């Protein structure tokens, strides 16, 4: 008998192997993070069966589905058998319907232990929707500062050292600026982004707080859930600043490492004409074309980004805590001391 499992019980399995049997298009749109795609029907086949279902009859659609999937079954079962050596298998489709049930039945007949997710991906998606409709069970510590001060760098270091830091820009596959998508490839769908964020928050659920970089509600093509964005606005605000020289060098190191960076920057400059005007954008383009990258970056920071975000580049009493990142080692030590001595005790008291 096939073992059914609810989405909330997935955590009870040790290192489950999640197998999404939906088409590659459905999988690319959104899935349970960490899942493996093993489609019963590809995009074209799924569309064909759907057409038969709506224009002819469900019976004829099922018969066509059987004809399509039957030759695939030996290879599908062989793949599932290999995956079963790595951990408990959990099959799912869109709503826990025929696709996952049919493959699970065959796999079980071959003597391979298998779970089937009740409600399929839809049940998982409903769990995420519910989570982001309620007040979040933690406080948010927000690093605020102008472009290039090293906020992302610091977040990654904190996470590597065991602190509950989340890189929202990495999840969104966007650096959150005019040049934010350079070299990063396609962004996730909104559903996929929310799934990735949910999994990060679940992974850090034992902490009373999380640390993020300040972001607008929209990061590239995705939007932060309202309750999460509200928690950021209401959270502990920490000012992060650095010297202009360090900021310029940091940005040069990051962006010039991107293939075809100068061409992409040149294209992105068009989006600044409305803000900076044709003359300044032409001057910036001239600097870019003559490879005066230090001057180009400094002008872009001073004339555009610093005016846009308008954070202080020096200590400010307007923030709960401030951080001078000119000495990264010292700054990191001071921040960790603040988090350990002030934030955790305050939240837990």
Protein backbone atom coordinates (compact mmCIF):
# COMPACT_ATOMS: atom_id res chain seq x y z
CA UNK A 1 0.00 0.00 0.00
CA UNK A 2 1.29 3.46 -0.93
CA UNK A 3 2.16 5.56 2.12
CA UNK A 4 0.44 8.94 2.08
CA UNK A 5 2.13 11.88 3.80
CA UNK A 6 0.90 15.38 4.55
CA UNK A 7 2.96 18.41 3.68
CA UNK A 8 3.36 19.38 7.33
CA UNK A 9 4.83 15.93 8.06
CA UNK A 10 7.63 16.18 5.50
CA UNK A 11 9.94 17.44 8.25
CA UNK A 12 9.58 14.11 10.02
CA UNK A 13 11.46 12.38 7.19
CA UNK A 14 15.24 12.39 7.30
CA UNK A 15 16.68 13.76 4.05
CA UNK A 16 13.63 13.02 1.87
CA UNK A 17 14.08 12.80 -1.91
CA UNK A 18 11.26 14.89 -3.35
CA UNK A 19 10.24 13.90 -6.88
CA UNK A 20 8.06 16.28 -8.87
CA UNK A 21 6.39 14.30 -11.68
CA UNK A 22 4.83 17.36 -13.32
CA UNK A 23 6.00 18.70 -16.69
CA UNK A 24 9.23 20.65 -17.01
CA UNK A 25 7.24 23.85 -17.50
CA UNK A 26 5.29 23.41 -14.27
CA UNK A 27 8.51 22.52 -12.46
CA UNK A 28 10.31 25.64 -13.77
CA UNK A 29 7.43 27.88 -12.65
CA UNK A 30 7.55 26.65 -9.05
CA UNK A 31 8.18 23.51 -7.06
CA UNK A 32 9.13 22.45 -3.55
CA UNK A 33 12.75 23.67 -3.19
CA UNK A 34 15.24 20.84 -3.55
CA UNK A 35 12.92 18.68 -5.64
CA UNK A 36 13.98 16.58 -8.63
CA UNK A 37 11.93 16.78 -11.81
CA UNK A 38 10.90 13.41 -13.24
CA UNK A 39 8.01 14.30 -15.57
CA UNK A 40 5.49 11.71 -16.68
CA UNK A 41 4.50 14.02 -19.53
CA UNK A 42 6.53 16.79 -21.11
CA UNK A 43 5.00 20.18 -21.91
CA UNK A 44 3.75 19.12 -25.34
CA UNK A 45 2.30 15.83 -24.12
CA UNK A 46 0.57 17.53 -21.19
CA UNK A 47 -1.02 20.08 -23.55
CA UNK A 48 -2.17 17.30 -25.87
CA UNK A 49 -3.83 15.36 -23.05
CA UNK A 50 -5.43 18.53 -21.72
CA UNK A 51 -6.93 19.29 -25.10
CA UNK A 52 -8.40 15.80 -25.38
CA UNK A 53 -9.77 16.09 -21.85
CA UNK A 54 -11.61 19.35 -22.55
CA UNK A 55 -12.62 18.79 -26.18
CA UNK A 56 -13.40 15.06 -26.14
CA UNK A 57 -13.65 13.21 -22.83
CA UNK A 58 -11.72 12.39 -19.65
CA UNK A 59 -11.71 8.69 -20.61
CA UNK A 60 -10.02 9.34 -23.96
CA UNK A 61 -7.54 11.65 -22.23
CA UNK A 62 -6.58 8.94 -19.72
CA UNK A 63 -6.21 6.39 -22.53
CA UNK A 64 -3.88 8.72 -24.42
CA UNK A 65 -1.95 9.39 -21.23
CA UNK A 66 -1.49 5.65 -20.74
CA UNK A 67 -0.22 5.24 -24.30
CA UNK A 68 2.30 8.05 -23.80
CA UNK A 69 3.61 7.00 -20.40
CA UNK A 70 3.75 3.21 -20.87
CA UNK A 71 7.02 3.17 -22.89
CA UNK A 72 8.61 5.48 -20.34
CA UNK A 73 7.86 3.38 -17.27
CA UNK A 74 10.97 1.13 -17.29
CA UNK A 75 13.33 4.13 -17.35
CA UNK A 76 11.25 6.04 -14.82
CA UNK A 77 11.27 3.13 -12.39
CA UNK A 78 15.01 2.61 -12.89
CA UNK A 79 15.64 6.27 -12.04
CA UNK A 80 13.39 6.10 -8.99
CA UNK A 81 15.16 2.96 -7.79
CA UNK A 82 18.54 4.73 -7.95
CA UNK A 83 17.16 7.74 -6.07
CA UNK A 84 15.70 5.48 -3.36
CA UNK A 85 19.25 4.62 -2.24
CA UNK A 86 19.77 8.25 -1.17
CA UNK A 87 16.78 8.64 1.15
CA UNK A 88 13.01 8.17 1.52
CA UNK A 89 11.15 8.96 -1.71
CA UNK A 90 8.21 11.36 -1.86
CA UNK A 91 6.32 11.67 -5.15
CA UNK A 92 4.05 14.60 -5.89
CA UNK A 93 2.24 16.28 -8.76
CA UNK A 94 -0.05 19.32 -8.83
CA UNK A 95 -2.85 18.18 -6.50
CA UNK A 96 -1.79 14.67 -5.54
CA UNK A 97 -3.78 13.21 -8.43
CA UNK A 98 -3.36 10.69 -11.18
CA UNK A 99 0.22 11.48 -12.20
CA UNK A 100 1.80 10.86 -8.83
CA UNK A 101 -0.61 8.02 -8.02
CA UNK A 102 0.07 6.12 -11.24
CA UNK A 103 3.87 6.24 -10.89
CA UNK A 104 3.72 5.51 -7.16
CA UNK A 105 1.60 2.42 -7.86
CA UNK A 106 4.10 1.05 -10.36
CA UNK A 107 7.06 1.86 -8.11
CA UNK A 108 5.42 0.11 -5.18
CA UNK A 109 4.72 -2.97 -7.32
CA UNK A 110 8.46 -3.12 -7.99
CA UNK A 111 9.09 -3.31 -4.24
CA UNK A 112 10.48 0.20 -3.84
CA UNK A 113 9.25 2.02 -0.68
CA UNK A 114 7.47 5.23 -1.63
CA UNK A 115 5.51 8.10 -0.11
CA UNK A 116 2.97 10.20 -1.98
CA UNK A 117 2.33 13.79 -0.95
CA UNK A 118 -1.32 14.43 -0.19
CA UNK A 119 -2.57 17.47 -2.06
CA UNK A 120 0.62 17.66 -4.13
CA UNK A 121 2.42 20.93 -4.79
CA UNK A 122 -0.84 22.81 -4.23
CA UNK A 123 -0.84 21.75 -0.56
CA UNK A 124 2.73 23.02 -0.20
CA UNK A 125 1.80 26.29 -1.89
CA UNK A 126 -1.20 26.73 0.43
CA UNK A 127 1.14 26.31 3.41
CA UNK A 128 3.33 29.14 2.11
CA UNK A 129 0.37 31.42 1.43
CA UNK A 130 -0.91 30.85 4.98
CA UNK A 131 2.54 31.52 6.46
CA UNK A 132 2.89 34.88 4.74
CA UNK A 133 -0.58 36.01 5.75
CA UNK A 134 0.20 35.91 9.48
CA UNK A 135 2.47 37.92 11.77
CA UNK A 136 5.98 36.54 11.59
CA UNK A 137 7.28 34.79 14.74
CA UNK A 138 10.62 36.63 14.88
CA UNK A 139 12.12 40.10 14.80
CA UNK A 140 14.07 41.41 11.82
CA UNK A 141 17.46 43.11 12.06
CA UNK A 142 17.97 45.28 8.98
CA UNK A 143 21.34 46.43 7.62
CA UNK A 144 20.83 49.82 5.98
CA UNK A 145 23.45 51.66 3.98
CA UNK A 146 24.38 53.13 0.63
CA UNK A 147 25.35 51.08 -2.40
CA UNK A 148 28.72 49.34 -2.19
CA UNK A 149 29.26 49.43 1.58
CA UNK A 150 29.46 45.62 1.76
CA UNK A 151 26.10 44.65 3.24
CA UNK A 152 25.82 41.46 1.18
CA UNK A 153 29.41 40.57 1.96
CA UNK A 154 28.72 40.93 5.69
CA UNK A 155 25.48 38.94 5.51
CA UNK A 156 27.24 36.01 3.86
CA UNK A 157 29.99 36.08 6.46
CA UNK A 158 27.45 36.11 9.30
CA UNK A 159 25.57 33.17 7.79
CA UNK A 160 28.80 31.20 7.38
CA UNK A 161 29.49 31.77 11.08
CA UNK A 162 26.10 30.48 12.17
CA UNK A 163 24.08 33.69 12.45
CA UNK A 164 20.52 33.78 11.02
CA UNK A 165 21.30 35.97 8.00
CA UNK A 166 19.31 35.74 4.77
CA UNK A 167 20.54 37.08 1.44
CA UNK A 168 17.28 38.25 -0.15
CA UNK A 169 19.03 39.39 -3.32
CA UNK A 170 20.45 35.92 -3.84
CA UNK A 171 16.99 34.39 -3.50
CA UNK A 172 15.61 36.95 -5.96
CA UNK A 173 18.62 36.52 -8.27
CA UNK A 174 18.92 40.29 -8.45
CA UNK A 175 21.17 42.84 -6.74
CA UNK A 176 18.27 45.24 -6.29
CA UNK A 177 19.47 48.10 -8.52
CA UNK A 178 19.44 49.38 -12.10
CA UNK A 179 22.33 47.00 -12.81
CA UNK A 180 20.97 44.32 -10.48
CA UNK A 181 20.33 41.52 -12.97
CA UNK A 182 23.74 41.63 -14.66
CA UNK A 183 25.24 38.19 -15.16
CA UNK A 184 22.73 36.46 -12.94
CA UNK A 185 20.47 34.77 -15.47
CA UNK A 186 16.71 34.39 -15.20
CA UNK A 187 14.99 35.46 -11.98
CA UNK A 188 12.67 33.06 -10.15
CA UNK A 189 8.92 33.30 -10.45
CA UNK A 190 7.06 34.93 -7.56
CA UNK A 191 5.91 31.52 -6.33
CA UNK A 192 9.40 30.08 -6.51
CA UNK A 193 10.88 33.07 -4.66
CA UNK A 194 8.31 32.76 -1.88
CA UNK A 195 9.07 29.05 -1.59
CA UNK A 196 12.81 29.73 -1.28
CA UNK A 197 12.22 32.45 1.33
CA UNK A 198 9.84 30.21 3.28
CA UNK A 199 12.41 27.39 3.38
CA UNK A 200 15.10 29.80 4.61
CA UNK A 201 12.84 31.04 7.39
CA UNK A 202 11.91 27.49 8.38
CA UNK A 203 15.58 26.53 8.48
CA UNK A 204 16.25 29.45 10.86
CA UNK A 205 13.06 29.04 12.90
CA UNK A 206 14.95 28.31 16.13
CA UNK A 207 16.36 31.86 16.16
CA UNK A 208 14.39 34.75 17.70
CA UNK A 209 15.56 37.12 14.97
CA UNK A 210 16.87 37.14 11.40
CA UNK A 211 19.27 39.56 9.68
CA UNK A 212 18.65 40.96 6.21
CA UNK A 213 19.79 43.80 4.00
CA UNK A 214 17.35 46.64 3.53
CA UNK A 215 15.38 46.19 0.31
CA UNK A 216 12.47 47.89 -1.34
CA UNK A 217 9.30 45.82 -1.50
CA UNK A 218 10.24 44.82 -5.02
CA UNK A 219 13.58 43.13 -5.78
CA UNK A 220 14.00 42.85 -9.52
CA UNK A 221 10.94 40.97 -10.76
CA UNK A 222 9.75 39.58 -7.43
CA UNK A 223 7.97 41.17 -4.49
CA UNK A 224 8.54 40.61 -0.80
CA UNK A 225 5.49 39.24 1.05
CA UNK A 226 3.67 42.08 2.81
CA UNK A 227 4.09 40.69 6.32
CA UNK A 228 7.82 40.20 5.74
CA UNK A 229 8.29 43.72 4.38
CA UNK A 230 6.30 45.15 7.31
CA UNK A 231 8.50 43.24 9.76
CA UNK A 232 11.56 44.77 8.08
CA UNK A 233 10.14 48.27 8.45
CA UNK A 234 9.34 47.65 12.12
CA UNK A 235 12.60 45.87 12.88
CA UNK A 236 15.94 46.92 14.38
CA UNK A 237 17.64 49.33 11.97
CA UNK A 238 21.44 49.22 11.76
CA UNK A 239 23.42 51.76 9.72
CA UNK A 240 26.27 50.27 7.69
CA UNK A 241 28.74 52.67 6.04
CA UNK A 242 32.17 52.65 4.42
CA UNK A 243 34.58 55.04 2.68
CA UNK A 244 33.85 56.07 -0.89
CA UNK A 245 37.18 54.60 -2.01
CA UNK A 246 36.34 51.17 -0.56
CA UNK A 247 32.86 51.27 -2.04
CA UNK A 248 34.19 52.04 -5.51
CA UNK A 249 36.71 49.22 -5.35
CA UNK A 250 34.14 46.75 -4.02
CA UNK A 251 31.75 47.49 -6.87
CA UNK A 252 34.50 47.30 -9.47
CA UNK A 253 35.55 43.89 -8.16
CA UNK A 254 31.98 42.63 -8.24
CA UNK A 255 30.72 43.97 -11.54
CA UNK A 256 33.83 43.64 -13.71
CA UNK A 257 33.84 39.93 -12.87
CA UNK A 258 30.59 39.61 -14.84
CA UNK A 259 31.06 38.46 -18.47
CA UNK A 260 30.36 41.30 -20.95
CA UNK A 261 29.95 43.64 -17.99
CA UNK A 262 30.76 46.87 -19.81
CA UNK A 263 28.27 46.17 -22.58
CA UNK A 264 25.53 45.38 -20.09
CA UNK A 265 26.30 48.49 -18.02
CA UNK A 266 26.18 50.60 -21.17
CA UNK A 267 22.71 49.27 -22.00
CA UNK A 268 21.48 49.78 -18.42
CA UNK A 269 22.59 53.42 -18.45
CA UNK A 270 19.64 54.20 -20.73
CA UNK A 271 17.35 53.64 -17.73
CA UNK A 272 19.05 56.51 -15.88
CA UNK A 273 18.31 59.20 -18.48
CA UNK A 274 15.01 60.12 -16.85
CA UNK A 275 16.76 60.69 -13.50
CA UNK A 276 20.16 62.07 -14.51
CA UNK A 277 19.39 63.59 -17.88
CA UNK A 278 21.00 63.05 -21.27
CA UNK A 279 24.12 65.12 -20.57
CA UNK A 280 25.22 63.24 -17.43
CA UNK A 281 24.43 59.85 -18.94
CA UNK A 282 26.52 60.81 -21.99
CA UNK A 283 29.39 61.79 -19.68
CA UNK A 284 29.09 58.49 -17.82
CA UNK A 285 29.04 56.59 -21.10
CA UNK A 286 32.21 58.41 -22.24
CA UNK A 287 33.95 57.37 -19.01
CA UNK A 288 32.83 53.81 -19.56
CA UNK A 289 34.00 53.75 -23.17
CA UNK A 290 37.43 55.16 -22.25
CA UNK A 291 37.78 52.57 -19.47
CA UNK A 292 37.85 55.21 -16.70
CA UNK A 293 36.00 52.80 -14.45
CA UNK A 294 37.08 54.27 -11.10
CA UNK A 295 35.76 57.72 -12.02
CA UNK A 296 32.66 56.24 -13.64
CA UNK A 297 31.80 54.24 -10.51
CA UNK A 298 32.49 57.13 -8.14
CA UNK A 299 30.29 59.50 -10.12
CA UNK A 300 27.52 56.94 -10.31
CA UNK A 301 27.62 56.53 -6.53
CA UNK A 302 27.78 60.23 -5.69
CA UNK A 303 25.42 61.56 -8.34
CA UNK A 304 22.86 58.76 -8.42
CA UNK A 305 22.89 56.07 -5.74
CA UNK A 306 23.74 58.21 -2.70
CA UNK A 307 21.04 60.70 -3.65
CA UNK A 308 18.58 57.88 -4.27
CA UNK A 309 19.06 56.10 -0.92
CA UNK A 310 20.38 59.06 1.10
CA UNK A 311 21.87 57.06 3.98
CA UNK A 312 24.53 58.79 6.11
CA UNK A 313 28.13 57.88 5.30
CA UNK A 314 29.09 58.52 8.93
CA UNK A 315 27.79 57.70 12.44
CA UNK A 316 24.16 58.65 13.03
CA UNK A 317 22.05 58.60 16.19
CA UNK A 318 18.95 58.00 14.07
CA UNK A 319 19.81 54.30 14.00
CA UNK A 320 19.78 51.73 16.79
CA UNK A 321 23.37 50.79 16.01
CA UNK A 322 25.89 51.90 13.41
CA UNK A 323 28.75 50.08 11.78
CA UNK A 324 31.92 51.48 10.19
CA UNK A 325 33.00 48.90 7.61
CA UNK A 326 36.37 50.48 6.78
CA UNK A 327 37.84 47.76 9.00
CA UNK A 328 35.65 44.72 8.15
CA UNK A 329 37.10 42.48 10.86
CA UNK A 330 36.46 45.04 13.58
CA UNK A 331 33.01 45.87 12.21
CA UNK A 332 31.99 42.23 12.10
CA UNK A 333 33.18 41.68 15.66
CA UNK A 334 31.26 44.73 16.90
CA UNK A 335 28.06 43.66 15.14
CA UNK A 336 28.23 40.12 16.49
CA UNK A 337 28.80 41.52 19.96
CA UNK A 338 25.74 43.72 19.60
CA UNK A 339 23.60 40.85 18.34
CA UNK A 340 24.73 38.51 21.11
CA UNK A 341 24.53 41.00 23.97
CA UNK A 342 21.66 43.28 23.01
CA UNK A 343 19.35 41.69 20.45
CA UNK A 344 18.98 38.09 21.61
CA UNK A 345 18.58 38.90 25.35
CA UNK A 346 16.14 41.72 24.59
CA UNK A 347 13.96 39.51 22.41
CA UNK A 348 14.06 36.57 24.79
CA UNK A 349 13.30 38.64 27.89
